[in-house]
Amino acid sequence: MSNVWFVALVPAATILTPALVGCLTALQISRTLTRTWSTTFNIMASKLDAAAQSQPSEPTPAVSTPQAGGRHSARQARRPR
């Protein structure tokens, strides 16, 4: 009877073991990349914060509103010939 279980488990183990190893490897790679990118972005963010704080803030110029008038402001209809 134990021989039947062995015959049934060998194909399942042959199929599932590489799949399990592949999933665990992908999970480990994902965790490593996440940690690496998280560290990289934290360093970039701290450098940007330091650069923003070291530069004096410049006043933003006031946005002027378009003036009415001018050459093309009020187009007149053409006169019939």
N, C-alpha and C. Protein backbone atom coordinates (compact mmCIF):
# COMPACT_ATOMS: atom_id res chain seq x y z
N MET A 1 0.82 -1.20 0.00
CA MET A 1 0.00 0.00 0.00
C MET A 1 0.87 1.26 0.00
N SER A 2 1.97 1.24 0.71
CA SER A 2 2.84 2.41 0.75
C SER A 2 3.45 2.68 -0.62
N ASN A 3 3.58 1.65 -1.42
CA ASN A 3 4.11 1.80 -2.77
C ASN A 3 3.18 2.65 -3.63
N VAL A 4 1.88 2.56 -3.40
CA VAL A 4 0.90 3.35 -4.16
C VAL A 4 1.06 4.83 -3.84
N TRP A 5 1.21 5.17 -2.56
CA TRP A 5 1.41 6.56 -2.17
C TRP A 5 2.70 7.12 -2.77
N PHE A 6 3.74 6.29 -2.77
CA PHE A 6 5.01 6.73 -3.32
C PHE A 6 4.88 7.02 -4.82
N VAL A 7 4.19 6.14 -5.53
CA VAL A 7 3.99 6.33 -6.97
C VAL A 7 3.15 7.57 -7.24
N ALA A 8 2.21 7.88 -6.36
CA ALA A 8 1.36 9.05 -6.54
C ALA A 8 2.09 10.34 -6.16
N LEU A 9 2.99 10.27 -5.19
CA LEU A 9 3.67 11.48 -4.72
C LEU A 9 4.83 11.91 -5.61
N VAL A 10 5.48 10.97 -6.26
CA VAL A 10 6.66 11.32 -7.06
C VAL A 10 6.31 12.29 -8.20
N PRO A 11 5.26 12.03 -9.01
CA PRO A 11 4.95 13.02 -10.05
C PRO A 11 4.51 14.36 -9.48
N ALA A 12 3.75 14.32 -8.39
CA ALA A 12 3.31 15.58 -7.79
C ALA A 12 4.50 16.37 -7.26
N ALA A 13 5.42 15.69 -6.60
CA ALA A 13 6.61 16.37 -6.08
C ALA A 13 7.49 16.87 -7.22
N THR A 14 7.55 16.10 -8.29
CA THR A 14 8.36 16.51 -9.44
C THR A 14 7.81 17.78 -10.07
N ILE A 15 6.49 17.92 -10.07
CA ILE A 15 5.87 19.11 -10.66
C ILE A 15 5.86 20.27 -9.67
N LEU A 16 5.52 19.99 -8.42
CA LEU A 16 5.32 21.07 -7.45
C LEU A 16 6.62 21.65 -6.90
N THR A 17 7.66 20.85 -6.80
CA THR A 17 8.91 21.35 -6.21
C THR A 17 9.51 22.49 -7.04
N PRO A 18 9.69 22.35 -8.36
CA PRO A 18 10.22 23.50 -9.11
C PRO A 18 9.28 24.71 -9.08
N ALA A 19 7.99 24.46 -9.07
CA ALA A 19 7.04 25.58 -9.01
C ALA A 19 7.18 26.31 -7.68
N LEU A 20 7.31 25.55 -6.60
CA LEU A 20 7.47 26.15 -5.28
C LEU A 20 8.79 26.91 -5.18
N VAL A 21 9.85 26.31 -5.70
CA VAL A 21 11.16 26.99 -5.69
C VAL A 21 11.09 28.26 -6.53
N GLY A 22 10.42 28.19 -7.68
CA GLY A 22 10.28 29.38 -8.52
C GLY A 22 9.50 30.48 -7.84
N CYS A 23 8.43 30.12 -7.15
CA CYS A 23 7.63 31.12 -6.43
C CYS A 23 8.43 31.76 -5.30
N LEU A 24 9.15 30.93 -4.56
CA LEU A 24 9.95 31.48 -3.45
C LEU A 24 11.09 32.35 -3.97
N THR A 25 11.68 31.96 -5.09
CA THR A 25 12.74 32.78 -5.69
C THR A 25 12.18 34.11 -6.17
N ALA A 26 11.02 34.08 -6.82
CA ALA A 26 10.39 35.32 -7.28
C ALA A 26 10.03 36.21 -6.11
N LEU A 27 9.56 35.61 -5.03
CA LEU A 27 9.22 36.39 -3.84
C LEU A 27 10.46 37.04 -3.25
N GLN A 28 11.56 36.30 -3.19
CA GLN A 28 12.80 36.85 -2.65
C GLN A 28 13.32 37.97 -3.53
N ILE A 29 13.27 37.79 -4.85
CA ILE A 29 13.71 38.84 -5.77
C ILE A 29 12.83 40.08 -5.61
N SER A 30 11.53 39.86 -5.49
CA SER A 30 10.61 40.98 -5.32
C SER A 30 10.90 41.74 -4.03
N ARG A 31 11.15 41.02 -2.96
CA ARG A 31 11.46 41.68 -1.68
C ARG A 31 12.76 42.46 -1.77
N THR A 32 13.76 41.88 -2.44
CA THR A 32 15.04 42.56 -2.58
C THR A 32 14.90 43.82 -3.42
N LEU A 33 14.18 43.71 -4.54
CA LEU A 33 13.99 44.89 -5.39
C LEU A 33 13.20 45.97 -4.67
N THR A 34 12.19 45.56 -3.92
CA THR A 34 11.39 46.54 -3.18
C THR A 34 12.26 47.26 -2.16
N ARG A 35 13.09 46.51 -1.46
CA ARG A 35 13.96 47.12 -0.46
C ARG A 35 14.97 48.05 -1.13
N THR A 36 15.52 47.62 -2.26
CA THR A 36 16.51 48.43 -2.98
C THR A 36 15.89 49.72 -3.48
N TRP A 37 14.71 49.61 -4.13
CA TRP A 37 14.07 50.81 -4.65
C TRP A 37 13.60 51.72 -3.54
N SER A 38 13.14 51.15 -2.45
CA SER A 38 12.71 51.96 -1.32
C SER A 38 13.88 52.77 -0.77
N THR A 39 15.03 52.12 -0.63
CA THR A 39 16.22 52.82 -0.15
C THR A 39 16.64 53.89 -1.14
N THR A 40 16.62 53.56 -2.42
CA THR A 40 17.02 54.52 -3.45
C THR A 40 16.11 55.75 -3.43
N PHE A 41 14.80 55.52 -3.36
CA PHE A 41 13.87 56.65 -3.34
C PHE A 41 13.99 57.47 -2.06
N ASN A 42 14.26 56.83 -0.94
CA ASN A 42 14.45 57.58 0.30
C ASN A 42 15.69 58.46 0.21
N ILE A 43 16.76 57.94 -0.38
CA ILE A 43 17.98 58.74 -0.54
C ILE A 43 17.71 59.91 -1.49
N MET A 44 17.03 59.63 -2.60
CA MET A 44 16.72 60.70 -3.55
C MET A 44 15.84 61.76 -2.91
N ALA A 45 14.85 61.33 -2.13
CA ALA A 45 13.95 62.28 -1.48
C ALA A 45 14.70 63.14 -0.48
N SER A 46 15.61 62.53 0.28
CA SER A 46 16.34 63.32 1.27
C SER A 46 17.28 64.31 0.58
N LYS A 47 17.87 63.92 -0.56
CA LYS A 47 18.72 64.85 -1.31
C LYS A 47 17.90 66.01 -1.88
N LEU A 48 16.71 65.70 -2.39
CA LEU A 48 15.86 66.76 -2.92
C LEU A 48 15.40 67.71 -1.81
N ASP A 49 15.08 67.16 -0.65
CA ASP A 49 14.69 68.01 0.47
C ASP A 49 15.84 68.91 0.89
N ALA A 50 17.04 68.35 0.96
CA ALA A 50 18.20 69.15 1.35
C ALA A 50 18.47 70.24 0.32
N ALA A 51 18.33 69.91 -0.96
CA ALA A 51 18.56 70.90 -2.01
C ALA A 51 17.50 71.99 -1.97
N ALA A 52 16.26 71.61 -1.70
CA ALA A 52 15.18 72.60 -1.65
C ALA A 52 15.35 73.53 -0.45
N GLN A 53 15.84 73.02 0.65
CA GLN A 53 16.01 73.85 1.84
C GLN A 53 17.24 74.74 1.74
N SER A 54 18.24 74.32 0.95
CA SER A 54 19.46 75.12 0.86
C SER A 54 19.31 76.29 -0.10
N GLN A 55 18.35 76.24 -1.01
CA GLN A 55 18.17 77.33 -1.96
C GLN A 55 17.19 78.35 -1.38
N PRO A 56 17.49 79.64 -1.55
CA PRO A 56 16.54 80.65 -1.07
C PRO A 56 15.27 80.63 -1.91
N SER A 57 14.17 80.86 -1.25
CA SER A 57 12.91 80.85 -1.99
C SER A 57 12.77 82.16 -2.75
N GLU A 58 12.43 82.06 -4.01
CA GLU A 58 12.27 83.23 -4.85
C GLU A 58 10.79 83.59 -4.92
N PRO A 59 10.48 84.89 -4.88
CA PRO A 59 9.07 85.26 -5.01
C PRO A 59 8.59 84.97 -6.43
N THR A 60 7.42 84.45 -6.52
CA THR A 60 6.87 84.15 -7.85
C THR A 60 6.30 85.42 -8.45
N PRO A 61 6.56 85.67 -9.72
CA PRO A 61 6.02 86.88 -10.34
C PRO A 61 4.51 86.78 -10.49
N ALA A 62 3.88 87.95 -10.36
CA ALA A 62 2.42 87.99 -10.49
C ALA A 62 2.05 87.73 -11.95
N VAL A 63 1.03 86.95 -12.13
CA VAL A 63 0.57 86.65 -13.48
C VAL A 63 -0.32 87.78 -13.95
N SER A 64 0.02 88.35 -15.10
CA SER A 64 -0.79 89.46 -15.60
C SER A 64 -1.97 88.91 -16.38
N THR A 65 -3.08 89.59 -16.25
CA THR A 65 -4.27 89.18 -16.99
C THR A 65 -4.23 89.81 -18.37
N PRO A 66 -4.72 89.13 -19.37
CA PRO A 66 -4.70 89.72 -20.72
C PRO A 66 -5.56 90.99 -20.78
N GLN A 67 -5.04 91.97 -21.45
CA GLN A 67 -5.73 93.25 -21.57
C GLN A 67 -6.71 93.21 -22.73
N ALA A 68 -7.82 93.87 -22.54
CA ALA A 68 -8.78 93.98 -23.64
C ALA A 68 -8.24 95.00 -24.63
N GLY A 69 -8.61 94.85 -25.86
CA GLY A 69 -8.14 95.79 -26.87
C GLY A 69 -7.04 95.15 -27.70
N GLY A 70 -6.41 95.94 -28.48
CA GLY A 70 -5.36 95.42 -29.31
C GLY A 70 -5.85 95.22 -30.74
N ARG A 71 -4.99 94.73 -31.54
CA ARG A 71 -5.25 94.66 -32.97
C ARG A 71 -6.36 93.67 -33.33
N HIS A 72 -6.41 92.54 -32.64
CA HIS A 72 -7.36 91.49 -33.03
C HIS A 72 -8.47 91.29 -32.01
N SER A 73 -8.65 92.22 -31.10
CA SER A 73 -9.60 91.98 -30.02
C SER A 73 -11.05 92.01 -30.50
N ALA A 74 -11.41 92.99 -31.30
CA ALA A 74 -12.80 93.09 -31.75
C ALA A 74 -12.80 93.05 -33.27
N ARG A 75 -12.99 91.91 -33.81
CA ARG A 75 -12.98 91.79 -35.27
C ARG A 75 -14.32 92.27 -35.82
N GLN A 76 -14.22 93.05 -36.83
CA GLN A 76 -15.44 93.53 -37.47
C GLN A 76 -15.76 92.63 -38.66
N ALA A 77 -17.03 92.54 -38.92
CA ALA A 77 -17.45 91.74 -40.07
C ALA A 77 -17.00 92.42 -41.35
N ARG A 78 -16.71 91.63 -42.35
CA ARG A 78 -16.30 92.20 -43.63
C ARG A 78 -17.46 92.93 -44.29
N ARG A 79 -17.12 93.97 -44.97
CA ARG A 79 -18.15 94.70 -45.71
C ARG A 79 -18.40 94.00 -47.03
N PRO A 80 -19.63 93.90 -47.44
CA PRO A 80 -19.89 93.31 -48.75
C PRO A 80 -19.35 94.21 -49.85
N ARG A 81 -18.87 93.63 -50.91
CA ARG A 81 -18.32 94.42 -52.02
C ARG A 81 -19.38 94.85 -52.97
